Amino acid sequence: MLKHFRDSSPVGCAPHTFIVEGEDMSQYVRRYVSGGTFFFTVVAHRRRPLFASDLARSLLREVIVEVQQEKPFELVATVLLPEHWHCV
């Protein structure tokens, strides 16, 4: 279930806060701030080592560059591990 708080955000949350609730996940809060800096983690399904090969890392980089051309963004810092990826 996705709840959007436009005018009456929960205490401590920015305007336009989305809270995602579900049976299989904890409560996640996502704040959308134009020009903001965000930290996120991508985890492979069942923590499979999808990013372990040179080919996978190369393809990921190509996709990042392609998306940056369409929707400009800056990756300030990244850590790519075999089964997950941290980004700022």
Foldseek 3Di string as FASTA:
>chain_A
DKDFAAPDDPPPADHRWIWDDDDPDDTDIDHDDVPDDDKDKDFAVVLAQQVPDPVSVVVVVVVVVVVCVVPNDDWPDKDDGRGMIITD
